[in-house]
C-alpha atoms as a PDB file:
ATOM      1  CA  UNK A   1       3.950   4.942  24.893  1.00  0.00           C
ATOM      2  CA  UNK A   2       3.372   1.249  25.598  1.00  0.00           C
ATOM      3  CA  UNK A   3       3.070  -1.067  22.634  1.00  0.00           C
ATOM      4  CA  UNK A   4      -0.582  -1.926  22.049  1.00  0.00           C
ATOM      5  CA  UNK A   5      -1.389  -5.633  21.832  1.00  0.00           C
ATOM      6  CA  UNK A   6      -3.254  -6.622  18.685  1.00  0.00           C
ATOM      7  CA  UNK A   7      -6.059  -9.117  18.512  1.00  0.00           C
ATOM      8  CA  UNK A   8      -4.902 -12.174  16.526  1.00  0.00           C
ATOM      9  CA  UNK A   9      -8.180 -12.224  14.604  1.00  0.00           C
ATOM     10  CA  UNK A  10      -7.524  -8.638  13.544  1.00  0.00           C
ATOM     11  CA  UNK A  11      -3.979  -9.529  12.438  1.00  0.00           C
ATOM     12  CA  UNK A  12      -5.332 -12.474  10.436  1.00  0.00           C
ATOM     13  CA  UNK A  13      -8.077 -10.317   8.916  1.00  0.00           C
ATOM     14  CA  UNK A  14      -5.584  -7.663   7.836  1.00  0.00           C
ATOM     15  CA  UNK A  15      -3.541 -10.328   6.069  1.00  0.00           C
ATOM     16  CA  UNK A  16      -6.588 -11.980   4.522  1.00  0.00           C
ATOM     17  CA  UNK A  17      -8.307  -8.829   3.315  1.00  0.00           C
ATOM     18  CA  UNK A  18      -5.031  -7.278   2.187  1.00  0.00           C
ATOM     19  CA  UNK A  19      -4.246 -10.241  -0.059  1.00  0.00           C
ATOM     20  CA  UNK A  20      -5.488  -9.753  -3.606  1.00  0.00           C
ATOM     21  CA  UNK A  21      -4.252 -13.001  -5.116  1.00  0.00           C
ATOM     22  CA  UNK A  22      -6.246 -16.174  -5.806  1.00  0.00           C
ATOM     23  CA  UNK A  23      -8.075 -17.803  -2.909  1.00  0.00           C
ATOM     24  CA  UNK A  24      -8.705 -21.049  -4.723  1.00  0.00           C
ATOM     25  CA  UNK A  25      -8.600 -23.455  -1.778  1.00  0.00           C
ATOM     26  CA  UNK A  26     -11.201 -21.634   0.318  1.00  0.00           C
ATOM     27  CA  UNK A  27     -13.406 -20.826  -2.657  1.00  0.00           C
ATOM     28  CA  UNK A  28     -13.241 -24.458  -3.756  1.00  0.00           C
ATOM     29  CA  UNK A  29     -14.349 -25.649  -0.311  1.00  0.00           C
ATOM     30  CA  UNK A  30     -17.231 -23.144  -0.175  1.00  0.00           C
ATOM     31  CA  UNK A  31     -18.237 -23.810  -3.790  1.00  0.00           C
ATOM     32  CA  UNK A  32     -18.196 -27.563  -3.180  1.00  0.00           C
ATOM     33  CA  UNK A  33     -20.238 -27.201   0.012  1.00  0.00           C
ATOM     34  CA  UNK A  34     -22.780 -24.732  -1.367  1.00  0.00           C
ATOM     35  CA  UNK A  35     -22.871 -25.731  -5.035  1.00  0.00           C
ATOM     36  CA  UNK A  36     -24.793 -23.354  -7.290  1.00  0.00           C
ATOM     37  CA  UNK A  37     -25.846 -21.380  -4.201  1.00  0.00           C
ATOM     38  CA  UNK A  38     -22.304 -19.997  -3.744  1.00  0.00           C
ATOM     39  CA  UNK A  39     -22.179 -16.435  -5.139  1.00  0.00           C
ATOM     40  CA  UNK A  40     -18.532 -16.563  -6.202  1.00  0.00           C
ATOM     41  CA  UNK A  41     -18.776 -13.208  -7.993  1.00  0.00           C
ATOM     42  CA  UNK A  42     -18.945 -11.478  -4.593  1.00  0.00           C
ATOM     43  CA  UNK A  43     -15.353 -12.340  -3.650  1.00  0.00           C
ATOM     44  CA  UNK A  44     -16.722 -12.796  -0.168  1.00  0.00           C
ATOM     45  CA  UNK A  45     -15.320 -14.221   3.016  1.00  0.00           C
ATOM     46  CA  UNK A  46     -18.238 -16.057   4.481  1.00  0.00           C
ATOM     47  CA  UNK A  47     -20.991 -18.529   3.906  1.00  0.00           C
ATOM     48  CA  UNK A  48     -23.787 -16.399   2.509  1.00  0.00           C
ATOM     49  CA  UNK A  49     -25.671 -18.121  -0.306  1.00  0.00           C
ATOM     50  CA  UNK A  50     -27.678 -16.802  -3.239  1.00  0.00           C
ATOM     51  CA  UNK A  51     -30.786 -17.915  -1.340  1.00  0.00           C
ATOM     52  CA  UNK A  52     -29.658 -15.914   1.728  1.00  0.00           C
ATOM     53  CA  UNK A  53     -29.092 -12.831  -0.412  1.00  0.00           C
ATOM     54  CA  UNK A  54     -32.515 -13.131  -2.062  1.00  0.00           C
ATOM     55  CA  UNK A  55     -34.130 -13.619   1.363  1.00  0.00           C
ATOM     56  CA  UNK A  56     -32.405 -10.539   2.761  1.00  0.00           C
ATOM     57  CA  UNK A  57     -33.403  -8.512  -0.274  1.00  0.00           C
ATOM     58  CA  UNK A  58     -37.053  -9.544   0.152  1.00  0.00           C
ATOM     59  CA  UNK A  59     -37.085  -8.817   3.880  1.00  0.00           C
ATOM     60  CA  UNK A  60     -35.331  -5.462   3.668  1.00  0.00           C
ATOM     61  CA  UNK A  61     -37.662  -4.082   0.964  1.00  0.00           C
ATOM     62  CA  UNK A  62     -35.083  -1.498  -0.057  1.00  0.00           C
ATOM     63  CA  UNK A  63     -36.048   1.270  -2.419  1.00  0.00           C
ATOM     64  CA  UNK A  64     -33.728   2.853  -4.959  1.00  0.00           C
ATOM     65  CA  UNK A  65     -31.848   5.749  -3.406  1.00  0.00           C
ATOM     66  CA  UNK A  66     -32.300   4.498   0.179  1.00  0.00           C
ATOM     67  CA  UNK A  67     -29.207   4.241   2.363  1.00  0.00           C
ATOM     68  CA  UNK A  68     -27.907   0.882   3.610  1.00  0.00           C
ATOM     69  CA  UNK A  69     -25.274   0.604   6.342  1.00  0.00           C
ATOM     70  CA  UNK A  70     -23.072  -2.515   6.325  1.00  0.00           C
ATOM     71  CA  UNK A  71     -21.397  -2.810   9.735  1.00  0.00           C
ATOM     72  CA  UNK A  72     -18.467  -5.235   9.875  1.00  0.00           C
ATOM     73  CA  UNK A  73     -18.930  -5.936   6.189  1.00  0.00           C
ATOM     74  CA  UNK A  74     -15.350  -6.947   5.471  1.00  0.00           C
ATOM     75  CA  UNK A  75     -14.737  -6.928   1.723  1.00  0.00           C
ATOM     76  CA  UNK A  76     -18.319  -5.799   1.185  1.00  0.00           C
ATOM     77  CA  UNK A  77     -19.538  -8.686  -0.991  1.00  0.00           C
ATOM     78  CA  UNK A  78     -23.147  -9.026   0.224  1.00  0.00           C
ATOM     79  CA  UNK A  79     -23.580  -5.271   0.760  1.00  0.00           C
ATOM     80  CA  UNK A  80     -22.192  -4.481  -2.687  1.00  0.00           C
ATOM     81  CA  UNK A  81     -24.491  -7.114  -4.182  1.00  0.00           C
ATOM     82  CA  UNK A  82     -27.494  -5.620  -2.381  1.00  0.00           C
ATOM     83  CA  UNK A  83     -26.614  -2.119  -3.601  1.00  0.00           C
ATOM     84  CA  UNK A  84     -26.247  -3.326  -7.198  1.00  0.00           C
ATOM     85  CA  UNK A  85     -29.525  -5.260  -7.052  1.00  0.00           C
ATOM     86  CA  UNK A  86     -31.636  -2.548  -5.419  1.00  0.00           C
ATOM     87  CA  UNK A  87     -30.008   0.766  -6.308  1.00  0.00           C
ATOM     88  CA  UNK A  88     -29.432   1.768  -2.683  1.00  0.00           C
ATOM     89  CA  UNK A  89     -26.511   3.869  -1.488  1.00  0.00           C
ATOM     90  CA  UNK A  90     -24.150   1.719   0.561  1.00  0.00           C
ATOM     91  CA  UNK A  91     -21.883   2.739   3.412  1.00  0.00           C
ATOM     92  CA  UNK A  92     -19.651   0.007   4.751  1.00  0.00           C
ATOM     93  CA  UNK A  93     -17.485   0.084   7.851  1.00  0.00           C
ATOM     94  CA  UNK A  94     -15.056  -2.468   9.233  1.00  0.00           C
ATOM     95  CA  UNK A  95     -12.194  -2.503  11.730  1.00  0.00           C
ATOM     96  CA  UNK A  96      -9.818  -3.814   9.041  1.00  0.00           C
ATOM     97  CA  UNK A  97      -8.681  -1.011   6.740  1.00  0.00           C
ATOM     98  CA  UNK A  98      -7.590  -3.443   3.996  1.00  0.00           C
ATOM     99  CA  UNK A  99     -11.120  -4.853   3.824  1.00  0.00           C
ATOM    100  CA  UNK A 100     -12.659  -1.401   3.396  1.00  0.00           C
ATOM    101  CA  UNK A 101     -10.055  -0.507   0.783  1.00  0.00           C
ATOM    102  CA  UNK A 102     -10.852  -3.701  -1.137  1.00  0.00           C
ATOM    103  CA  UNK A 103     -14.608  -3.059  -0.955  1.00  0.00           C
ATOM    104  CA  UNK A 104     -14.224   0.512  -2.146  1.00  0.00           C
ATOM    105  CA  UNK A 105     -11.939  -0.509  -5.004  1.00  0.00           C
ATOM    106  CA  UNK A 106      -8.907   1.407  -3.723  1.00  0.00           C
END
């Protein structure tokens, strides 16, 4: 069987999501750029702000017990936040196994 080439972004993502140590340099940059809007408790990899999360919550009008699908959700930060805030059931999928494992707490 021929060796399958791997997308460099996927390789990077596996390393990033598989790392469970401190991410101080990136978090510092995002926190500095976004100030109080940065939801650092999400352990996210992205630029979503508290305002963005509140806007999504208002637009989605999710009811407790509903089902939310997070496609390409990485470590699950925003989806996990939305589930905690609204009481929905969350299913997250991503192409990086380490990200899904992190999001699910395994």
